[in-house]
């Protein structure tokens, strides 16, 4: 099976590459972070998209390329929508022309966080611009054919050199320098090891899996403060450096949903279960 990963230089793209099954012929793209052996591709440039598809000839497209910052989106709405909606349309159209299955990587941010836990088909009511844009892209995908929507949750792991960091690397970096790190204790997440999410995606793109939406996350529900304590404990840093703070004191540009915890029955029924946070951190260490 021939697979094309857009945004292959991302954390999830890296994890997908590292966990690629033996029967997969893989092509990937980068845009701002050069990775040897990958194609450069701007998803907003239809000619570049066509060029890459002509060479990759994919049976499956895993669309990871996106603007991923919630706060950046709040003040750069038009730019983010250009990439995350119109760019998705371009890649989706090329996938349809190639008769390839299109796998869209979405987010928990499509939910309001006011009525957890969320099943895949629950009402989407995002509270910030990022979630609204991702919902728009989901709608476009759902109006097409041969698609999967994967909603992961707070991916963590080591990115490529020069790649965008994540909460795990940000916390570990501060603790390693002996600096205090303030983390919110009033919003809840399901931190998920990127490698485990990637392995789940490889399982979900197999021919025996039904087209549809899948929530992919760890079963562990916790605040970022609790996540930070677990990182400090595993690496042997002073847990006193990790301080709780309420989200209303951070003056964030974008509202965060309080609790978008996923129900994971759908992937559990397929035998897919991600490692818990402690086990995931041990694997990274």
Protein backbone atom coordinates (compact mmCIF):
# COMPACT_ATOMS: atom_id res chain seq x y z
CA UNK A 1 0.00 0.00 0.00
CA UNK A 2 1.30 3.44 -0.97
CA UNK A 3 0.78 6.15 1.66
CA UNK A 4 1.40 9.90 1.50
CA UNK A 5 1.74 11.86 4.75
CA UNK A 6 1.31 15.62 4.46
CA UNK A 7 3.07 17.44 7.27
CA UNK A 8 5.49 14.57 7.64
CA UNK A 9 7.88 16.85 9.53
CA UNK A 10 5.34 17.25 12.38
CA UNK A 11 5.42 15.31 15.64
CA UNK A 12 2.72 12.94 14.40
CA UNK A 13 4.36 12.70 10.98
CA UNK A 14 7.61 11.66 12.65
CA UNK A 15 5.80 9.06 14.74
CA UNK A 16 4.00 7.68 11.67
CA UNK A 17 7.32 7.35 9.87
CA UNK A 18 8.97 5.61 12.83
CA UNK A 19 6.10 3.12 13.18
CA UNK A 20 5.50 2.46 9.46
CA UNK A 21 4.40 -1.15 8.85
CA UNK A 22 6.56 -3.24 6.54
CA UNK A 23 3.93 -3.36 3.80
CA UNK A 24 3.76 0.45 3.46
CA UNK A 25 5.55 2.41 0.73
CA UNK A 26 5.80 5.85 2.29
CA UNK A 27 6.11 9.39 0.92
CA UNK A 28 5.96 12.47 3.15
CA UNK A 29 6.01 16.23 2.84
CA UNK A 30 7.49 19.16 4.74
CA UNK A 31 6.86 22.87 4.45
CA UNK A 32 8.79 24.92 7.04
CA UNK A 33 11.07 22.29 8.59
CA UNK A 34 13.24 20.55 5.98
CA UNK A 35 13.57 16.79 6.44
CA UNK A 36 15.84 14.87 4.02
CA UNK A 37 13.99 12.48 1.72
CA UNK A 38 10.66 14.29 1.97
CA UNK A 39 8.93 16.45 -0.64
CA UNK A 40 8.47 20.15 0.05
CA UNK A 41 4.81 21.03 -0.38
CA UNK A 42 2.63 24.03 0.38
CA UNK A 43 -0.93 22.69 0.72
CA UNK A 44 -2.24 26.05 -0.52
CA UNK A 45 -0.38 25.67 -3.84
CA UNK A 46 -2.43 23.37 -6.09
CA UNK A 47 0.45 22.90 -8.53
CA UNK A 48 2.76 21.69 -5.75
CA UNK A 49 0.06 19.35 -4.46
CA UNK A 50 -0.43 17.93 -7.96
CA UNK A 51 3.35 17.50 -8.39
CA UNK A 52 3.68 15.50 -5.17
CA UNK A 53 0.63 13.34 -5.86
CA UNK A 54 1.92 12.51 -9.34
CA UNK A 55 5.09 11.14 -7.80
CA UNK A 56 3.64 9.49 -4.70
CA UNK A 57 0.61 7.87 -6.39
CA UNK A 58 -0.96 7.18 -2.96
CA UNK A 59 -3.62 4.67 -2.00
CA UNK A 60 -4.00 6.45 1.36
CA UNK A 61 -3.34 10.09 2.29
CA UNK A 62 -2.81 10.99 5.96
CA UNK A 63 -3.30 14.75 6.16
CA UNK A 64 -1.32 16.10 9.14
CA UNK A 65 -0.25 19.42 7.57
CA UNK A 66 -1.87 22.32 9.42
CA UNK A 67 -1.41 25.40 11.53
CA UNK A 68 -1.63 23.88 14.99
CA UNK A 69 -1.42 26.79 17.42
CA UNK A 70 -4.68 27.75 19.14
CA UNK A 71 -3.48 31.21 20.21
CA UNK A 72 -1.85 31.97 16.84
CA UNK A 73 -5.12 31.15 15.11
CA UNK A 74 -7.01 33.60 17.30
CA UNK A 75 -5.02 36.55 15.88
CA UNK A 76 -4.33 35.06 12.42
CA UNK A 77 -7.73 33.68 11.48
CA UNK A 78 -7.57 34.24 7.72
CA UNK A 79 -4.08 32.74 7.39
CA UNK A 80 -4.98 29.70 9.48
CA UNK A 81 -8.21 29.14 7.59
CA UNK A 82 -6.32 29.35 4.30
CA UNK A 83 -4.08 26.48 5.39
CA UNK A 84 -6.45 24.40 7.50
CA UNK A 85 -9.57 24.65 5.33
CA UNK A 86 -8.58 25.61 1.78
CA UNK A 87 -5.35 23.62 2.03
CA UNK A 88 -7.36 20.62 3.21
CA UNK A 89 -9.70 21.07 0.24
CA UNK A 90 -6.73 21.00 -2.14
CA UNK A 91 -5.29 17.81 -0.68
CA UNK A 92 -8.73 16.20 -0.44
CA UNK A 93 -9.47 16.97 -4.10
CA UNK A 94 -6.15 15.44 -5.17
CA UNK A 95 -6.90 12.39 -3.01
CA UNK A 96 -10.31 11.99 -4.61
CA UNK A 97 -8.78 12.24 -8.08
CA UNK A 98 -6.26 9.56 -7.09
CA UNK A 99 -9.08 7.41 -5.64
CA UNK A 100 -7.15 7.37 -2.36
CA UNK A 101 -8.59 7.07 1.15
CA UNK A 102 -8.29 10.46 2.86
CA UNK A 103 -7.37 10.48 6.56
CA UNK A 104 -7.93 13.85 8.21
CA UNK A 105 -6.20 14.61 11.51
CA UNK A 106 -8.57 16.74 13.54
CA UNK A 107 -8.73 17.77 17.21
CA UNK A 108 -10.64 17.66 20.49
CA UNK A 109 -11.14 21.44 20.06
CA UNK A 110 -14.24 20.86 17.92
CA UNK A 111 -16.13 20.28 21.20
CA UNK A 112 -17.21 22.94 23.71
CA UNK A 113 -15.99 21.06 26.78
CA UNK A 114 -19.24 21.66 28.66
CA UNK A 115 -20.67 18.14 28.42
CA UNK A 116 -17.99 15.43 28.59
CA UNK A 117 -17.33 12.63 27.80
CA UNK A 118 -17.59 12.99 24.03
CA UNK A 119 -18.44 10.26 21.57
CA UNK A 120 -17.45 10.60 17.93
CA UNK A 121 -20.89 11.72 16.71
CA UNK A 122 -21.68 14.18 19.52
CA UNK A 123 -22.59 17.78 18.66
CA UNK A 124 -19.54 19.90 17.82
CA UNK A 125 -19.67 23.39 19.28
CA UNK A 126 -16.13 24.84 19.39
CA UNK A 127 -15.39 27.77 21.70
CA UNK A 128 -12.39 29.23 19.86
CA UNK A 129 -11.35 30.11 16.32
CA UNK A 130 -9.04 27.11 15.98
CA UNK A 131 -11.80 24.65 16.82
CA UNK A 132 -14.20 26.45 14.47
CA UNK A 133 -11.76 26.17 11.58
CA UNK A 134 -11.11 22.49 12.24
CA UNK A 135 -14.88 21.89 12.33
CA UNK A 136 -15.18 23.58 8.91
CA UNK A 137 -12.50 21.26 7.55
CA UNK A 138 -14.21 18.22 9.07
CA UNK A 139 -17.45 19.20 7.33
CA UNK A 140 -15.70 19.32 3.96
CA UNK A 141 -14.17 15.89 4.55
CA UNK A 142 -17.49 14.37 5.65
CA UNK A 143 -19.13 15.61 2.45
CA UNK A 144 -16.63 13.60 0.38
CA UNK A 145 -16.13 9.85 0.01
CA UNK A 146 -13.64 7.29 1.38
CA UNK A 147 -12.54 9.24 4.44
CA UNK A 148 -11.47 8.79 8.03
CA UNK A 149 -11.37 11.55 10.63
CA UNK A 150 -8.97 10.94 13.50
CA UNK A 151 -9.27 13.15 16.58
CA UNK A 152 -6.16 12.79 18.76
CA UNK A 153 -5.67 14.53 22.11
CA UNK A 154 -2.61 16.45 23.41
CA UNK A 155 0.14 14.61 21.56
CA UNK A 156 3.49 14.47 23.31
CA UNK A 157 6.93 13.19 22.34
CA UNK A 158 10.24 14.27 20.82
CA UNK A 159 9.86 16.19 17.53
CA UNK A 160 12.34 16.35 14.68
CA UNK A 161 15.21 18.84 15.25
CA UNK A 162 13.83 22.27 14.42
CA UNK A 163 10.26 21.01 14.70
CA UNK A 164 7.44 22.50 16.73
CA UNK A 165 7.58 21.54 20.38
CA UNK A 166 4.75 20.30 22.58
CA UNK A 167 3.77 20.48 26.23
CA UNK A 168 6.07 17.59 27.13
CA UNK A 169 9.18 19.17 25.60
CA UNK A 170 8.32 22.63 26.96
CA UNK A 171 7.89 21.32 30.51
CA UNK A 172 10.97 19.11 30.35
CA UNK A 173 13.10 21.96 29.01
CA UNK A 174 12.13 24.30 31.86
CA UNK A 175 12.62 21.65 34.52
CA UNK A 176 16.00 20.73 33.05
CA UNK A 177 17.10 24.35 33.50
CA UNK A 178 15.85 24.41 37.07
CA UNK A 179 13.12 26.90 36.17
CA UNK A 180 9.64 27.03 37.65
CA UNK A 181 6.81 26.06 35.35
CA UNK A 182 3.22 27.21 35.92
CA UNK A 183 0.56 24.87 34.53
CA UNK A 184 -3.21 25.15 34.59
CA UNK A 185 -5.05 22.89 37.02
CA UNK A 186 -8.63 23.64 35.95
CA UNK A 187 -8.82 22.22 32.40
CA UNK A 188 -8.53 18.55 31.54
CA UNK A 189 -6.75 16.59 28.83
CA UNK A 190 -5.87 13.07 27.76
CA UNK A 191 -2.12 13.26 27.05
CA UNK A 192 -1.29 10.74 24.33
CA UNK A 193 2.11 9.47 23.26
CA UNK A 194 2.54 10.39 19.59
CA UNK A 195 4.00 6.98 18.73
CA UNK A 196 0.92 5.23 20.17
CA UNK A 197 -1.42 7.51 18.20
CA UNK A 198 0.57 6.76 15.04
CA UNK A 199 0.33 3.00 15.60
CA UNK A 200 -3.42 3.37 16.13
CA UNK A 201 -3.72 5.26 12.84
CA UNK A 202 -1.85 2.52 10.98
CA UNK A 203 -4.36 0.04 12.38
CA UNK A 204 -7.29 2.26 11.34
CA UNK A 205 -6.18 2.60 7.71
CA UNK A 206 -6.29 -1.14 7.14
CA UNK A 207 -8.95 -2.36 4.65
CA UNK A 208 -11.12 -4.05 7.30
CA UNK A 209 -11.81 -0.80 9.18
CA UNK A 210 -15.01 1.12 8.46
CA UNK A 211 -14.93 4.68 7.15
CA UNK A 212 -15.87 7.21 9.84
CA UNK A 213 -14.67 9.23 12.83
CA UNK A 214 -12.39 7.81 15.52
CA UNK A 215 -11.28 9.30 18.83
CA UNK A 216 -7.69 8.25 19.55
CA UNK A 217 -6.24 9.06 22.98
CA UNK A 218 -4.91 7.69 26.22
CA UNK A 219 -7.47 6.72 28.86
CA UNK A 220 -5.71 8.99 31.38
CA UNK A 221 -7.59 12.23 32.10
CA UNK A 222 -5.62 14.96 33.88
CA UNK A 223 -4.78 18.65 34.05
CA UNK A 224 -1.56 20.03 32.60
CA UNK A 225 -0.41 20.55 36.19
CA UNK A 226 -0.83 16.83 36.90
CA UNK A 227 0.95 16.04 33.62
CA UNK A 228 3.84 18.28 34.67
CA UNK A 229 4.11 16.53 38.04
CA UNK A 230 4.37 13.16 36.29
CA UNK A 231 7.14 14.46 34.00
CA UNK A 232 9.06 15.89 36.97
CA UNK A 233 8.69 12.64 38.90
CA UNK A 234 9.81 10.42 36.01
CA UNK A 235 12.90 12.54 35.28
CA UNK A 236 13.75 13.03 38.93
CA UNK A 237 13.25 16.79 39.04
CA UNK A 238 11.98 18.75 42.03
CA UNK A 239 8.18 18.59 41.87
CA UNK A 240 8.13 21.89 43.74
CA UNK A 241 9.16 23.56 40.47
CA UNK A 242 5.74 22.64 39.04
CA UNK A 243 3.15 25.17 40.19
CA UNK A 244 -0.64 25.10 39.64
CA UNK A 245 -2.33 28.16 38.18
CA UNK A 246 -5.91 28.87 37.13
CA UNK A 247 -6.47 29.47 33.43
CA UNK A 248 -8.06 32.87 34.01
CA UNK A 249 -4.72 34.20 35.28
CA UNK A 250 -2.83 33.43 32.07
CA UNK A 251 -4.47 36.02 29.80
CA UNK A 252 -4.59 33.57 26.93
CA UNK A 253 -5.68 34.89 23.53
CA UNK A 254 -8.05 31.97 22.94
CA UNK A 255 -10.60 30.41 25.24
CA UNK A 256 -9.86 26.78 26.08
CA UNK A 257 -12.67 24.26 26.57
CA UNK A 258 -12.67 23.03 30.17
CA UNK A 259 -13.08 19.30 29.57
CA UNK A 260 -13.31 17.63 26.17
CA UNK A 261 -12.56 14.14 27.47
CA UNK A 262 -13.21 11.49 24.83
CA UNK A 263 -15.15 8.29 25.14
CA UNK A 264 -12.90 5.65 23.63
CA UNK A 265 -15.27 2.70 23.29
CA UNK A 266 -15.02 2.71 19.50
CA UNK A 267 -11.25 2.11 19.34
CA UNK A 268 -11.31 -0.20 22.37
CA UNK A 269 -13.77 -2.45 20.55
CA UNK A 270 -11.17 -2.72 17.78
CA UNK A 271 -8.53 -3.78 20.30
CA UNK A 272 -6.75 -0.41 20.20
CA UNK A 273 -5.62 0.91 23.58
CA UNK A 274 -2.92 3.53 24.08
CA UNK A 275 -0.43 3.47 26.93
CA UNK A 276 -1.19 5.55 30.01
CA UNK A 277 0.87 8.66 30.73
CA UNK A 278 3.27 7.07 33.22
CA UNK A 279 4.01 4.19 30.85
CA UNK A 280 4.35 6.58 27.91
CA UNK A 281 6.81 8.81 29.75
CA UNK A 282 8.88 5.80 30.78
CA UNK A 283 9.05 4.76 27.12
CA UNK A 284 10.30 8.24 26.13
CA UNK A 285 12.91 8.30 28.88
